[in-house]
């Protein structure tokens, strides 16, 4: 089990390609 509020995936150039987040309401 992995617990976190936010995950970010970047490609080989460092650009953000995916973000999973939880923001209140």
PDBML (XML) file of the C-alpha atoms, coordinates in Angstrom:
<?xml version="1.0" encoding="UTF-8" ?>
<PDBx:datablock datablockName="MODEL"
   xmlns:PDBx="http://pdbml.pdb.org/schema/pdbx-v50.xsd"
   xmlns:xsi="http://www.w3.org/2001/XMLSchema-instance"
   xsi:schemaLocation="http://pdbml.pdb.org/schema/pdbx-v50.xsd pdbx-v50.xsd">
   <PDBx:atom_siteCategory>
      <PDBx:atom_site id="1">
         <PDBx:B_iso_or_equiv>0.00</PDBx:B_iso_or_equiv>
         <PDBx:Cartn_x>0.000</PDBx:Cartn_x>
         <PDBx:Cartn_y>0.000</PDBx:Cartn_y>
         <PDBx:Cartn_z>0.000</PDBx:Cartn_z>
         <PDBx:auth_asym_id>A</PDBx:auth_asym_id>
         <PDBx:auth_atom_id>CA</PDBx:auth_atom_id>
         <PDBx:auth_comp_id>UNK</PDBx:auth_comp_id>
         <PDBx:auth_seq_id>1</PDBx:auth_seq_id>
         <PDBx:group_PDB>ATOM</PDBx:group_PDB>
         <PDBx:label_alt_id xsi:nil="true" />
         <PDBx:label_asym_id>A</PDBx:label_asym_id>
         <PDBx:label_atom_id>CA</PDBx:label_atom_id>
         <PDBx:label_comp_id>UNK</PDBx:label_comp_id>
         <PDBx:label_entity_id>1</PDBx:label_entity_id>
         <PDBx:label_seq_id>1</PDBx:label_seq_id>
         <PDBx:occupancy>1.00</PDBx:occupancy>
         <PDBx:pdbx_PDB_model_num>1</PDBx:pdbx_PDB_model_num>
         <PDBx:type_symbol>C</PDBx:type_symbol>
      </PDBx:atom_site>
      <PDBx:atom_site id="2">
         <PDBx:B_iso_or_equiv>0.00</PDBx:B_iso_or_equiv>
         <PDBx:Cartn_x>1.317</PDBx:Cartn_x>
         <PDBx:Cartn_y>3.404</PDBx:Cartn_y>
         <PDBx:Cartn_z>-1.015</PDBx:Cartn_z>
         <PDBx:auth_asym_id>A</PDBx:auth_asym_id>
         <PDBx:auth_atom_id>CA</PDBx:auth_atom_id>
         <PDBx:auth_comp_id>UNK</PDBx:auth_comp_id>
         <PDBx:auth_seq_id>2</PDBx:auth_seq_id>
         <PDBx:group_PDB>ATOM</PDBx:group_PDB>
         <PDBx:label_alt_id xsi:nil="true" />
         <PDBx:label_asym_id>A</PDBx:label_asym_id>
         <PDBx:label_atom_id>CA</PDBx:label_atom_id>
         <PDBx:label_comp_id>UNK</PDBx:label_comp_id>
         <PDBx:label_entity_id>1</PDBx:label_entity_id>
         <PDBx:label_seq_id>2</PDBx:label_seq_id>
         <PDBx:occupancy>1.00</PDBx:occupancy>
         <PDBx:pdbx_PDB_model_num>1</PDBx:pdbx_PDB_model_num>
         <PDBx:type_symbol>C</PDBx:type_symbol>
      </PDBx:atom_site>
      <PDBx:atom_site id="3">
         <PDBx:B_iso_or_equiv>0.00</PDBx:B_iso_or_equiv>
         <PDBx:Cartn_x>-0.293</PDBx:Cartn_x>
         <PDBx:Cartn_y>6.527</PDBx:Cartn_y>
         <PDBx:Cartn_z>0.473</PDBx:Cartn_z>
         <PDBx:auth_asym_id>A</PDBx:auth_asym_id>
         <PDBx:auth_atom_id>CA</PDBx:auth_atom_id>
         <PDBx:auth_comp_id>UNK</PDBx:auth_comp_id>
         <PDBx:auth_seq_id>3</PDBx:auth_seq_id>
         <PDBx:group_PDB>ATOM</PDBx:group_PDB>
         <PDBx:label_alt_id xsi:nil="true" />
         <PDBx:label_asym_id>A</PDBx:label_asym_id>
         <PDBx:label_atom_id>CA</PDBx:label_atom_id>
         <PDBx:label_comp_id>UNK</PDBx:label_comp_id>
         <PDBx:label_entity_id>1</PDBx:label_entity_id>
         <PDBx:label_seq_id>3</PDBx:label_seq_id>
         <PDBx:occupancy>1.00</PDBx:occupancy>
         <PDBx:pdbx_PDB_model_num>1</PDBx:pdbx_PDB_model_num>
         <PDBx:type_symbol>C</PDBx:type_symbol>
      </PDBx:atom_site>
      <PDBx:atom_site id="4">
         <PDBx:B_iso_or_equiv>0.00</PDBx:B_iso_or_equiv>
         <PDBx:Cartn_x>0.170</PDBx:Cartn_x>
         <PDBx:Cartn_y>9.985</PDBx:Cartn_y>
         <PDBx:Cartn_z>-0.999</PDBx:Cartn_z>
         <PDBx:auth_asym_id>A</PDBx:auth_asym_id>
         <PDBx:auth_atom_id>CA</PDBx:auth_atom_id>
         <PDBx:auth_comp_id>UNK</PDBx:auth_comp_id>
         <PDBx:auth_seq_id>4</PDBx:auth_seq_id>
         <PDBx:group_PDB>ATOM</PDBx:group_PDB>
         <PDBx:label_alt_id xsi:nil="true" />
         <PDBx:label_asym_id>A</PDBx:label_asym_id>
         <PDBx:label_atom_id>CA</PDBx:label_atom_id>
         <PDBx:label_comp_id>UNK</PDBx:label_comp_id>
         <PDBx:label_entity_id>1</PDBx:label_entity_id>
         <PDBx:label_seq_id>4</PDBx:label_seq_id>
         <PDBx:occupancy>1.00</PDBx:occupancy>
         <PDBx:pdbx_PDB_model_num>1</PDBx:pdbx_PDB_model_num>
         <PDBx:type_symbol>C</PDBx:type_symbol>
      </PDBx:atom_site>
      <PDBx:atom_site id="5">
         <PDBx:B_iso_or_equiv>0.00</PDBx:B_iso_or_equiv>
         <PDBx:Cartn_x>-1.756</PDBx:Cartn_x>
         <PDBx:Cartn_y>13.178</PDBx:Cartn_y>
         <PDBx:Cartn_z>-1.812</PDBx:Cartn_z>
         <PDBx:auth_asym_id>A</PDBx:auth_asym_id>
         <PDBx:auth_atom_id>CA</PDBx:auth_atom_id>
         <PDBx:auth_comp_id>UNK</PDBx:auth_comp_id>
         <PDBx:auth_seq_id>5</PDBx:auth_seq_id>
         <PDBx:group_PDB>ATOM</PDBx:group_PDB>
         <PDBx:label_alt_id xsi:nil="true" />
         <PDBx:label_asym_id>A</PDBx:label_asym_id>
         <PDBx:label_atom_id>CA</PDBx:label_atom_id>
         <PDBx:label_comp_id>UNK</PDBx:label_comp_id>
         <PDBx:label_entity_id>1</PDBx:label_entity_id>
         <PDBx:label_seq_id>5</PDBx:label_seq_id>
         <PDBx:occupancy>1.00</PDBx:occupancy>
         <PDBx:pdbx_PDB_model_num>1</PDBx:pdbx_PDB_model_num>
         <PDBx:type_symbol>C</PDBx:type_symbol>
      </PDBx:atom_site>
      <PDBx:atom_site id="6">
         <PDBx:B_iso_or_equiv>0.00</PDBx:B_iso_or_equiv>
         <PDBx:Cartn_x>-0.213</PDBx:Cartn_x>
         <PDBx:Cartn_y>13.721</PDBx:Cartn_y>
         <PDBx:Cartn_z>-5.217</PDBx:Cartn_z>
         <PDBx:auth_asym_id>A</PDBx:auth_asym_id>
         <PDBx:auth_atom_id>CA</PDBx:auth_atom_id>
         <PDBx:auth_comp_id>UNK</PDBx:auth_comp_id>
         <PDBx:auth_seq_id>6</PDBx:auth_seq_id>
         <PDBx:group_PDB>ATOM</PDBx:group_PDB>
         <PDBx:label_alt_id xsi:nil="true" />
         <PDBx:label_asym_id>A</PDBx:label_asym_id>
         <PDBx:label_atom_id>CA</PDBx:label_atom_id>
         <PDBx:label_comp_id>UNK</PDBx:label_comp_id>
         <PDBx:label_entity_id>1</PDBx:label_entity_id>
         <PDBx:label_seq_id>6</PDBx:label_seq_id>
         <PDBx:occupancy>1.00</PDBx:occupancy>
         <PDBx:pdbx_PDB_model_num>1</PDBx:pdbx_PDB_model_num>
         <PDBx:type_symbol>C</PDBx:type_symbol>
      </PDBx:atom_site>
      <PDBx:atom_site id="7">
         <PDBx:B_iso_or_equiv>0.00</PDBx:B_iso_or_equiv>
         <PDBx:Cartn_x>1.655</PDBx:Cartn_x>
         <PDBx:Cartn_y>11.779</PDBx:Cartn_y>
         <PDBx:Cartn_z>-7.905</PDBx:Cartn_z>
         <PDBx:auth_asym_id>A</PDBx:auth_asym_id>
         <PDBx:auth_atom_id>CA</PDBx:auth_atom_id>
         <PDBx:auth_comp_id>UNK</PDBx:auth_comp_id>
         <PDBx:auth_seq_id>7</PDBx:auth_seq_id>
         <PDBx:group_PDB>ATOM</PDBx:group_PDB>
         <PDBx:label_alt_id xsi:nil="true" />
         <PDBx:label_asym_id>A</PDBx:label_asym_id>
         <PDBx:label_atom_id>CA</PDBx:label_atom_id>
         <PDBx:label_comp_id>UNK</PDBx:label_comp_id>
         <PDBx:label_entity_id>1</PDBx:label_entity_id>
         <PDBx:label_seq_id>7</PDBx:label_seq_id>
         <PDBx:occupancy>1.00</PDBx:occupancy>
         <PDBx:pdbx_PDB_model_num>1</PDBx:pdbx_PDB_model_num>
         <PDBx:type_symbol>C</PDBx:type_symbol>
      </PDBx:atom_site>
      <PDBx:atom_site id="8">
         <PDBx:B_iso_or_equiv>0.00</PDBx:B_iso_or_equiv>
         <PDBx:Cartn_x>3.456</PDBx:Cartn_x>
         <PDBx:Cartn_y>13.281</PDBx:Cartn_y>
         <PDBx:Cartn_z>-10.904</PDBx:Cartn_z>
         <PDBx:auth_asym_id>A</PDBx:auth_asym_id>
         <PDBx:auth_atom_id>CA</PDBx:auth_atom_id>
         <PDBx:auth_comp_id>UNK</PDBx:auth_comp_id>
         <PDBx:auth_seq_id>8</PDBx:auth_seq_id>
         <PDBx:group_PDB>ATOM</PDBx:group_PDB>
         <PDBx:label_alt_id xsi:nil="true" />
         <PDBx:label_asym_id>A</PDBx:label_asym_id>
         <PDBx:label_atom_id>CA</PDBx:label_atom_id>
         <PDBx:label_comp_id>UNK</PDBx:label_comp_id>
         <PDBx:label_entity_id>1</PDBx:label_entity_id>
         <PDBx:label_seq_id>8</PDBx:label_seq_id>
         <PDBx:occupancy>1.00</PDBx:occupancy>
         <PDBx:pdbx_PDB_model_num>1</PDBx:pdbx_PDB_model_num>
         <PDBx:type_symbol>C</PDBx:type_symbol>
      </PDBx:atom_site>
      <PDBx:atom_site id="9">
         <PDBx:B_iso_or_equiv>0.00</PDBx:B_iso_or_equiv>
         <PDBx:Cartn_x>4.902</PDBx:Cartn_x>
         <PDBx:Cartn_y>11.419</PDBx:Cartn_y>
         <PDBx:Cartn_z>-13.892</PDBx:Cartn_z>
         <PDBx:auth_asym_id>A</PDBx:auth_asym_id>
         <PDBx:auth_atom_id>CA</PDBx:auth_atom_id>
         <PDBx:auth_comp_id>UNK</PDBx:auth_comp_id>
         <PDBx:auth_seq_id>9</PDBx:auth_seq_id>
         <PDBx:group_PDB>ATOM</PDBx:group_PDB>
         <PDBx:label_alt_id xsi:nil="true" />
         <PDBx:label_asym_id>A</PDBx:label_asym_id>
         <PDBx:label_atom_id>CA</PDBx:label_atom_id>
         <PDBx:label_comp_id>UNK</PDBx:label_comp_id>
         <PDBx:label_entity_id>1</PDBx:label_entity_id>
         <PDBx:label_seq_id>9</PDBx:label_seq_id>
         <PDBx:occupancy>1.00</PDBx:occupancy>
         <PDBx:pdbx_PDB_model_num>1</PDBx:pdbx_PDB_model_num>
         <PDBx:type_symbol>C</PDBx:type_symbol>
      </PDBx:atom_site>
      <PDBx:atom_site id="10">
         <PDBx:B_iso_or_equiv>0.00</PDBx:B_iso_or_equiv>
         <PDBx:Cartn_x>7.482</PDBx:Cartn_x>
         <PDBx:Cartn_y>13.041</PDBx:Cartn_y>
         <PDBx:Cartn_z>-16.169</PDBx:Cartn_z>
         <PDBx:auth_asym_id>A</PDBx:auth_asym_id>
         <PDBx:auth_atom_id>CA</PDBx:auth_atom_id>
         <PDBx:auth_comp_id>UNK</PDBx:auth_comp_id>
         <PDBx:auth_seq_id>10</PDBx:auth_seq_id>
         <PDBx:group_PDB>ATOM</PDBx:group_PDB>
         <PDBx:label_alt_id xsi:nil="true" />
         <PDBx:label_asym_id>A</PDBx:label_asym_id>
         <PDBx:label_atom_id>CA</PDBx:label_atom_id>
         <PDBx:label_comp_id>UNK</PDBx:label_comp_id>
         <PDBx:label_entity_id>1</PDBx:label_entity_id>
         <PDBx:label_seq_id>10</PDBx:label_seq_id>
         <PDBx:occupancy>1.00</PDBx:occupancy>
         <PDBx:pdbx_PDB_model_num>1</PDBx:pdbx_PDB_model_num>
         <PDBx:type_symbol>C</PDBx:type_symbol>
      </PDBx:atom_site>
      <PDBx:atom_site id="11">
         <PDBx:B_iso_or_equiv>0.00</PDBx:B_iso_or_equiv>
         <PDBx:Cartn_x>8.976</PDBx:Cartn_x>
         <PDBx:Cartn_y>11.905</PDBx:Cartn_y>
         <PDBx:Cartn_z>-19.453</PDBx:Cartn_z>
         <PDBx:auth_asym_id>A</PDBx:auth_asym_id>
         <PDBx:auth_atom_id>CA</PDBx:auth_atom_id>
         <PDBx:auth_comp_id>UNK</PDBx:auth_comp_id>
         <PDBx:auth_seq_id>11</PDBx:auth_seq_id>
         <PDBx:group_PDB>ATOM</PDBx:group_PDB>
         <PDBx:label_alt_id xsi:nil="true" />
         <PDBx:label_asym_id>A</PDBx:label_asym_id>
         <PDBx:label_atom_id>CA</PDBx:label_atom_id>
         <PDBx:label_comp_id>UNK</PDBx:label_comp_id>
         <PDBx:label_entity_id>1</PDBx:label_entity_id>
         <PDBx:label_seq_id>11</PDBx:label_seq_id>
         <PDBx:occupancy>1.00</PDBx:occupancy>
         <PDBx:pdbx_PDB_model_num>1</PDBx:pdbx_PDB_model_num>
         <PDBx:type_symbol>C</PDBx:type_symbol>
      </PDBx:atom_site>
      <PDBx:atom_site id="12">
         <PDBx:B_iso_or_equiv>0.00</PDBx:B_iso_or_equiv>
         <PDBx:Cartn_x>12.657</PDBx:Cartn_x>
         <PDBx:Cartn_y>11.560</PDBx:Cartn_y>
         <PDBx:Cartn_z>-20.360</PDBx:Cartn_z>
         <PDBx:auth_asym_id>A</PDBx:auth_asym_id>
         <PDBx:auth_atom_id>CA</PDBx:auth_atom_id>
         <PDBx:auth_comp_id>UNK</PDBx:auth_comp_id>
         <PDBx:auth_seq_id>12</PDBx:auth_seq_id>
         <PDBx:group_PDB>ATOM</PDBx:group_PDB>
         <PDBx:label_alt_id xsi:nil="true" />
         <PDBx:label_asym_id>A</PDBx:label_asym_id>
         <PDBx:label_atom_id>CA</PDBx:label_atom_id>
         <PDBx:label_comp_id>UNK</PDBx:label_comp_id>
         <PDBx:label_entity_id>1</PDBx:label_entity_id>
         <PDBx:label_seq_id>12</PDBx:label_seq_id>
         <PDBx:occupancy>1.00</PDBx:occupancy>
         <PDBx:pdbx_PDB_model_num>1</PDBx:pdbx_PDB_model_num>
         <PDBx:type_symbol>C</PDBx:type_symbol>
      </PDBx:atom_site>
      <PDBx:atom_site id="13">
         <PDBx:B_iso_or_equiv>0.00</PDBx:B_iso_or_equiv>
         <PDBx:Cartn_x>12.808</PDBx:Cartn_x>
         <PDBx:Cartn_y>15.328</PDBx:Cartn_y>
         <PDBx:Cartn_z>-21.064</PDBx:Cartn_z>
         <PDBx:auth_asym_id>A</PDBx:auth_asym_id>
         <PDBx:auth_atom_id>CA</PDBx:auth_atom_id>
         <PDBx:auth_comp_id>UNK</PDBx:auth_comp_id>
         <PDBx:auth_seq_id>13</PDBx:auth_seq_id>
         <PDBx:group_PDB>ATOM</PDBx:group_PDB>
         <PDBx:label_alt_id xsi:nil="true" />
         <PDBx:label_asym_id>A</PDBx:label_asym_id>
         <PDBx:label_atom_id>CA</PDBx:label_atom_id>
         <PDBx:label_comp_id>UNK</PDBx:label_comp_id>
         <PDBx:label_entity_id>1</PDBx:label_entity_id>
         <PDBx:label_seq_id>13</PDBx:label_seq_id>
         <PDBx:occupancy>1.00</PDBx:occupancy>
         <PDBx:pdbx_PDB_model_num>1</PDBx:pdbx_PDB_model_num>
         <PDBx:type_symbol>C</PDBx:type_symbol>
      </PDBx:atom_site>
      <PDBx:atom_site id="14">
         <PDBx:B_iso_or_equiv>0.00</PDBx:B_iso_or_equiv>
         <PDBx:Cartn_x>11.440</PDBx:Cartn_x>
         <PDBx:Cartn_y>16.225</PDBx:Cartn_y>
         <PDBx:Cartn_z>-17.639</PDBx:Cartn_z>
         <PDBx:auth_asym_id>A</PDBx:auth_asym_id>
         <PDBx:auth_atom_id>CA</PDBx:auth_atom_id>
         <PDBx:auth_comp_id>UNK</PDBx:auth_comp_id>
         <PDBx:auth_seq_id>14</PDBx:auth_seq_id>
         <PDBx:group_PDB>ATOM</PDBx:group_PDB>
         <PDBx:label_alt_id xsi:nil="true" />
         <PDBx:label_asym_id>A</PDBx:label_asym_id>
         <PDBx:label_atom_id>CA</PDBx:label_atom_id>
         <PDBx:label_comp_id>UNK</PDBx:label_comp_id>
         <PDBx:label_entity_id>1</PDBx:label_entity_id>
         <PDBx:label_seq_id>14</PDBx:label_seq_id>
         <PDBx:occupancy>1.00</PDBx:occupancy>
         <PDBx:pdbx_PDB_model_num>1</PDBx:pdbx_PDB_model_num>
         <PDBx:type_symbol>C</PDBx:type_symbol>
      </PDBx:atom_site>
      <PDBx:atom_site id="15">
         <PDBx:B_iso_or_equiv>0.00</PDBx:B_iso_or_equiv>
         <PDBx:Cartn_x>8.028</PDBx:Cartn_x>
         <PDBx:Cartn_y>17.370</PDBx:Cartn_y>
         <PDBx:Cartn_z>-18.918</PDBx:Cartn_z>
         <PDBx:auth_asym_id>A</PDBx:auth_asym_id>
         <PDBx:auth_atom_id>CA</PDBx:auth_atom_id>
         <PDBx:auth_comp_id>UNK</PDBx:auth_comp_id>
         <PDBx:auth_seq_id>15</PDBx:auth_seq_id>
         <PDBx:group_PDB>ATOM</PDBx:group_PDB>
         <PDBx:label_alt_id xsi:nil="true" />
         <PDBx:label_asym_id>A</PDBx:label_asym_id>
         <PDBx:label_atom_id>CA</PDBx:label_atom_id>
         <PDBx:label_comp_id>UNK</PDBx:label_comp_id>
         <PDBx:label_entity_id>1</PDBx:label_entity_id>
         <PDBx:label_seq_id>15</PDBx:label_seq_id>
         <PDBx:occupancy>1.00</PDBx:occupancy>
         <PDBx:pdbx_PDB_model_num>1</PDBx:pdbx_PDB_model_num>
         <PDBx:type_symbol>C</PDBx:type_symbol>
      </PDBx:atom_site>
      <PDBx:atom_site id="16">
         <PDBx:B_iso_or_equiv>0.00</PDBx:B_iso_or_equiv>
         <PDBx:Cartn_x>5.016</PDBx:Cartn_x>
         <PDBx:Cartn_y>16.534</PDBx:Cartn_y>
         <PDBx:Cartn_z>-16.794</PDBx:Cartn_z>
         <PDBx:auth_asym_id>A</PDBx:auth_asym_id>
         <PDBx:auth_atom_id>CA</PDBx:auth_atom_id>
         <PDBx:auth_comp_id>UNK</PDBx:auth_comp_id>
         <PDBx:auth_seq_id>16</PDBx:auth_seq_id>
         <PDBx:group_PDB>ATOM</PDBx:group_PDB>
         <PDBx:label_alt_id xsi:nil="true" />
         <PDBx:label_asym_id>A</PDBx:label_asym_id>
         <PDBx:label_atom_id>CA</PDBx:label_atom_id>
         <PDBx:label_comp_id>UNK</PDBx:label_comp_id>
         <PDBx:label_entity_id>1</PDBx:label_entity_id>
         <PDBx:label_seq_id>16</PDBx:label_seq_id>
         <PDBx:occupancy>1.00</PDBx:occupancy>
         <PDBx:pdbx_PDB_model_num>1</PDBx:pdbx_PDB_model_num>
         <PDBx:type_symbol>C</PDBx:type_symbol>
      </PDBx:atom_site>
      <PDBx:atom_site id="17">
         <PDBx:B_iso_or_equiv>0.00</PDBx:B_iso_or_equiv>
         <PDBx:Cartn_x>2.843</PDBx:Cartn_x>
         <PDBx:Cartn_y>13.987</PDBx:Cartn_y>
         <PDBx:Cartn_z>-18.590</PDBx:Cartn_z>
         <PDBx:auth_asym_id>A</PDBx:auth_asym_id>
         <PDBx:auth_atom_id>CA</PDBx:auth_atom_id>
         <PDBx:auth_comp_id>UNK</PDBx:auth_comp_id>
         <PDBx:auth_seq_id>17</PDBx:auth_seq_id>
         <PDBx:group_PDB>ATOM</PDBx:group_PDB>
         <PDBx:label_alt_id xsi:nil="true" />
         <PDBx:label_asym_id>A</PDBx:label_asym_id>
         <PDBx:label_atom_id>CA</PDBx:label_atom_id>
         <PDBx:label_comp_id>UNK</PDBx:label_comp_id>
         <PDBx:label_entity_id>1</PDBx:label_entity_id>
         <PDBx:label_seq_id>17</PDBx:label_seq_id>
         <PDBx:occupancy>1.00</PDBx:occupancy>
         <PDBx:pdbx_PDB_model_num>1</PDBx:pdbx_PDB_model_num>
         <PDBx:type_symbol>C</PDBx:type_symbol>
      </PDBx:atom_site>
      <PDBx:atom_site id="18">
         <PDBx:B_iso_or_equiv>0.00</PDBx:B_iso_or_equiv>
         <PDBx:Cartn_x>0.451</PDBx:Cartn_x>
         <PDBx:Cartn_y>12.888</PDBx:Cartn_y>
         <PDBx:Cartn_z>-15.837</PDBx:Cartn_z>
         <PDBx:auth_asym_id>A</PDBx:auth_asym_id>
         <PDBx:auth_atom_id>CA</PDBx:auth_atom_id>
         <PDBx:auth_comp_id>UNK</PDBx:auth_comp_id>
         <PDBx:auth_seq_id>18</PDBx:auth_seq_id>
         <PDBx:group_PDB>ATOM</PDBx:group_PDB>
         <PDBx:label_alt_id xsi:nil="true" />
         <PDBx:label_asym_id>A</PDBx:label_asym_id>
         <PDBx:label_atom_id>CA</PDBx:label_atom_id>
         <PDBx:label_comp_id>UNK</PDBx:label_comp_id>
         <PDBx:label_entity_id>1</PDBx:label_entity_id>
         <PDBx:label_seq_id>18</PDBx:label_seq_id>
         <PDBx:occupancy>1.00</PDBx:occupancy>
         <PDBx:pdbx_PDB_model_num>1</PDBx:pdbx_PDB_model_num>
         <PDBx:type_symbol>C</PDBx:type_symbol>
      </PDBx:atom_site>
      <PDBx:atom_site id="19">
         <PDBx:B_iso_or_equiv>0.00</PDBx:B_iso_or_equiv>
         <PDBx:Cartn_x>-0.690</PDBx:Cartn_x>
         <PDBx:Cartn_y>14.241</PDBx:Cartn_y>
         <PDBx:Cartn_z>-12.465</PDBx:Cartn_z>
         <PDBx:auth_asym_id>A</PDBx:auth_asym_id>
         <PDBx:auth_atom_id>CA</PDBx:auth_atom_id>
         <PDBx:auth_comp_id>UNK</PDBx:auth_comp_id>
         <PDBx:auth_seq_id>19</PDBx:auth_seq_id>
         <PDBx:group_PDB>ATOM</PDBx:group_PDB>
         <PDBx:label_alt_id xsi:nil="true" />
         <PDBx:label_asym_id>A</PDBx:label_asym_id>
         <PDBx:label_atom_id>CA</PDBx:label_atom_id>
         <PDBx:label_comp_id>UNK</PDBx:label_comp_id>
         <PDBx:label_entity_id>1</PDBx:label_entity_id>
         <PDBx:label_seq_id>19</PDBx:label_seq_id>
         <PDBx:occupancy>1.00</PDBx:occupancy>
         <PDBx:pdbx_PDB_model_num>1</PDBx:pdbx_PDB_model_num>
         <PDBx:type_symbol>C</PDBx:type_symbol>
      </PDBx:atom_site>
      <PDBx:atom_site id="20">
         <PDBx:B_iso_or_equiv>0.00</PDBx:B_iso_or_equiv>
         <PDBx:Cartn_x>-2.896</PDBx:Cartn_x>
         <PDBx:Cartn_y>12.460</PDBx:Cartn_y>
         <PDBx:Cartn_z>-9.944</PDBx:Cartn_z>
         <PDBx:auth_asym_id>A</PDBx:auth_asym_id>
         <PDBx:auth_atom_id>CA</PDBx:auth_atom_id>
         <PDBx:auth_comp_id>UNK</PDBx:auth_comp_id>
         <PDBx:auth_seq_id>20</PDBx:auth_seq_id>
         <PDBx:group_PDB>ATOM</PDBx:group_PDB>
         <PDBx:label_alt_id xsi:nil="true" />
         <PDBx:label_asym_id>A</PDBx:label_asym_id>
         <PDBx:label_atom_id>CA</PDBx:label_atom_id>
         <PDBx:label_comp_id>UNK</PDBx:label_comp_id>
         <PDBx:label_entity_id>1</PDBx:label_entity_id>
         <PDBx:label_seq_id>20</PDBx:label_seq_id>
         <PDBx:occupancy>1.00</PDBx:occupancy>
         <PDBx:pdbx_PDB_model_num>1</PDBx:pdbx_PDB_model_num>
         <PDBx:type_symbol>C</PDBx:type_symbol>
      </PDBx:atom_site>
      <PDBx:atom_site id="21">
         <PDBx:B_iso_or_equiv>0.00</PDBx:B_iso_or_equiv>
         <PDBx:Cartn_x>-4.074</PDBx:Cartn_x>
         <PDBx:Cartn_y>14.713</PDBx:Cartn_y>
         <PDBx:Cartn_z>-7.141</PDBx:Cartn_z>
         <PDBx:auth_asym_id>A</PDBx:auth_asym_id>
         <PDBx:auth_atom_id>CA</PDBx:auth_atom_id>
         <PDBx:auth_comp_id>UNK</PDBx:auth_comp_id>
         <PDBx:auth_seq_id>21</PDBx:auth_seq_id>
         <PDBx:group_PDB>ATOM</PDBx:group_PDB>
         <PDBx:label_alt_id xsi:nil="true" />
         <PDBx:label_asym_id>A</PDBx:label_asym_id>
         <PDBx:label_atom_id>CA</PDBx:label_atom_id>
         <PDBx:label_comp_id>UNK</PDBx:label_comp_id>
         <PDBx:label_entity_id>1</PDBx:label_entity_id>
         <PDBx:label_seq_id>21</PDBx:label_seq_id>
         <PDBx:occupancy>1.00</PDBx:occupancy>
         <PDBx:pdbx_PDB_model_num>1</PDBx:pdbx_PDB_model_num>
         <PDBx:type_symbol>C</PDBx:type_symbol>
      </PDBx:atom_site>
      <PDBx:atom_site id="22">
         <PDBx:B_iso_or_equiv>0.00</PDBx:B_iso_or_equiv>
         <PDBx:Cartn_x>-6.663</PDBx:Cartn_x>
         <PDBx:Cartn_y>15.076</PDBx:Cartn_y>
         <PDBx:Cartn_z>-4.360</PDBx:Cartn_z>
         <PDBx:auth_asym_id>A</PDBx:auth_asym_id>
         <PDBx:auth_atom_id>CA</PDBx:auth_atom_id>
         <PDBx:auth_comp_id>UNK</PDBx:auth_comp_id>
         <PDBx:auth_seq_id>22</PDBx:auth_seq_id>
         <PDBx:group_PDB>ATOM</PDBx:group_PDB>
         <PDBx:label_alt_id xsi:nil="true" />
         <PDBx:label_asym_id>A</PDBx:label_asym_id>
         <PDBx:label_atom_id>CA</PDBx:label_atom_id>
         <PDBx:label_comp_id>UNK</PDBx:label_comp_id>
         <PDBx:label_entity_id>1</PDBx:label_entity_id>
         <PDBx:label_seq_id>22</PDBx:label_seq_id>
         <PDBx:occupancy>1.00</PDBx:occupancy>
         <PDBx:pdbx_PDB_model_num>1</PDBx:pdbx_PDB_model_num>
         <PDBx:type_symbol>C</PDBx:type_symbol>
      </PDBx:atom_site>
      <PDBx:atom_site id="23">
         <PDBx:B_iso_or_equiv>0.00</PDBx:B_iso_or_equiv>
         <PDBx:Cartn_x>-7.930</PDBx:Cartn_x>
         <PDBx:Cartn_y>18.587</PDBx:Cartn_y>
         <PDBx:Cartn_z>-3.631</PDBx:Cartn_z>
         <PDBx:auth_asym_id>A</PDBx:auth_asym_id>
         <PDBx:auth_atom_id>CA</PDBx:auth_atom_id>
         <PDBx:auth_comp_id>UNK</PDBx:auth_comp_id>
         <PDBx:auth_seq_id>23</PDBx:auth_seq_id>
         <PDBx:group_PDB>ATOM</PDBx:group_PDB>
         <PDBx:label_alt_id xsi:nil="true" />
         <PDBx:label_asym_id>A</PDBx:label_asym_id>
         <PDBx:label_atom_id>CA</PDBx:label_atom_id>
         <PDBx:label_comp_id>UNK</PDBx:label_comp_id>
         <PDBx:label_entity_id>1</PDBx:label_entity_id>
         <PDBx:label_seq_id>23</PDBx:label_seq_id>
         <PDBx:occupancy>1.00</PDBx:occupancy>
         <PDBx:pdbx_PDB_model_num>1</PDBx:pdbx_PDB_model_num>
         <PDBx:type_symbol>C</PDBx:type_symbol>
      </PDBx:atom_site>
      <PDBx:atom_site id="24">
         <PDBx:B_iso_or_equiv>0.00</PDBx:B_iso_or_equiv>
         <PDBx:Cartn_x>-10.595</PDBx:Cartn_x>
         <PDBx:Cartn_y>18.890</PDBx:Cartn_y>
         <PDBx:Cartn_z>-0.946</PDBx:Cartn_z>
         <PDBx:auth_asym_id>A</PDBx:auth_asym_id>
         <PDBx:auth_atom_id>CA</PDBx:auth_atom_id>
         <PDBx:auth_comp_id>UNK</PDBx:auth_comp_id>
         <PDBx:auth_seq_id>24</PDBx:auth_seq_id>
         <PDBx:group_PDB>ATOM</PDBx:group_PDB>
         <PDBx:label_alt_id xsi:nil="true" />
         <PDBx:label_asym_id>A</PDBx:label_asym_id>
         <PDBx:label_atom_id>CA</PDBx:label_atom_id>
         <PDBx:label_comp_id>UNK</PDBx:label_comp_id>
         <PDBx:label_entity_id>1</PDBx:label_entity_id>
         <PDBx:label_seq_id>24</PDBx:label_seq_id>
         <PDBx:occupancy>1.00</PDBx:occupancy>
         <PDBx:pdbx_PDB_model_num>1</PDBx:pdbx_PDB_model_num>
         <PDBx:type_symbol>C</PDBx:type_symbol>
      </PDBx:atom_site>
      <PDBx:atom_site id="25">
         <PDBx:B_iso_or_equiv>0.00</PDBx:B_iso_or_equiv>
         <PDBx:Cartn_x>-14.112</PDBx:Cartn_x>
         <PDBx:Cartn_y>19.376</PDBx:Cartn_y>
         <PDBx:Cartn_z>-2.313</PDBx:Cartn_z>
         <PDBx:auth_asym_id>A</PDBx:auth_asym_id>
         <PDBx:auth_atom_id>CA</PDBx:auth_atom_id>
         <PDBx:auth_comp_id>UNK</PDBx:auth_comp_id>
         <PDBx:auth_seq_id>25</PDBx:auth_seq_id>
         <PDBx:group_PDB>ATOM</PDBx:group_PDB>
         <PDBx:label_alt_id xsi:nil="true" />
         <PDBx:label_asym_id>A</PDBx:label_asym_id>
         <PDBx:label_atom_id>CA</PDBx:label_atom_id>
         <PDBx:label_comp_id>UNK</PDBx:label_comp_id>
         <PDBx:label_entity_id>1</PDBx:label_entity_id>
         <PDBx:label_seq_id>25</PDBx:label_seq_id>
         <PDBx:occupancy>1.00</PDBx:occupancy>
         <PDBx:pdbx_PDB_model_num>1</PDBx:pdbx_PDB_model_num>
         <PDBx:type_symbol>C</PDBx:type_symbol>
      </PDBx:atom_site>
   </PDBx:atom_siteCategory>
</PDBx:datablock>
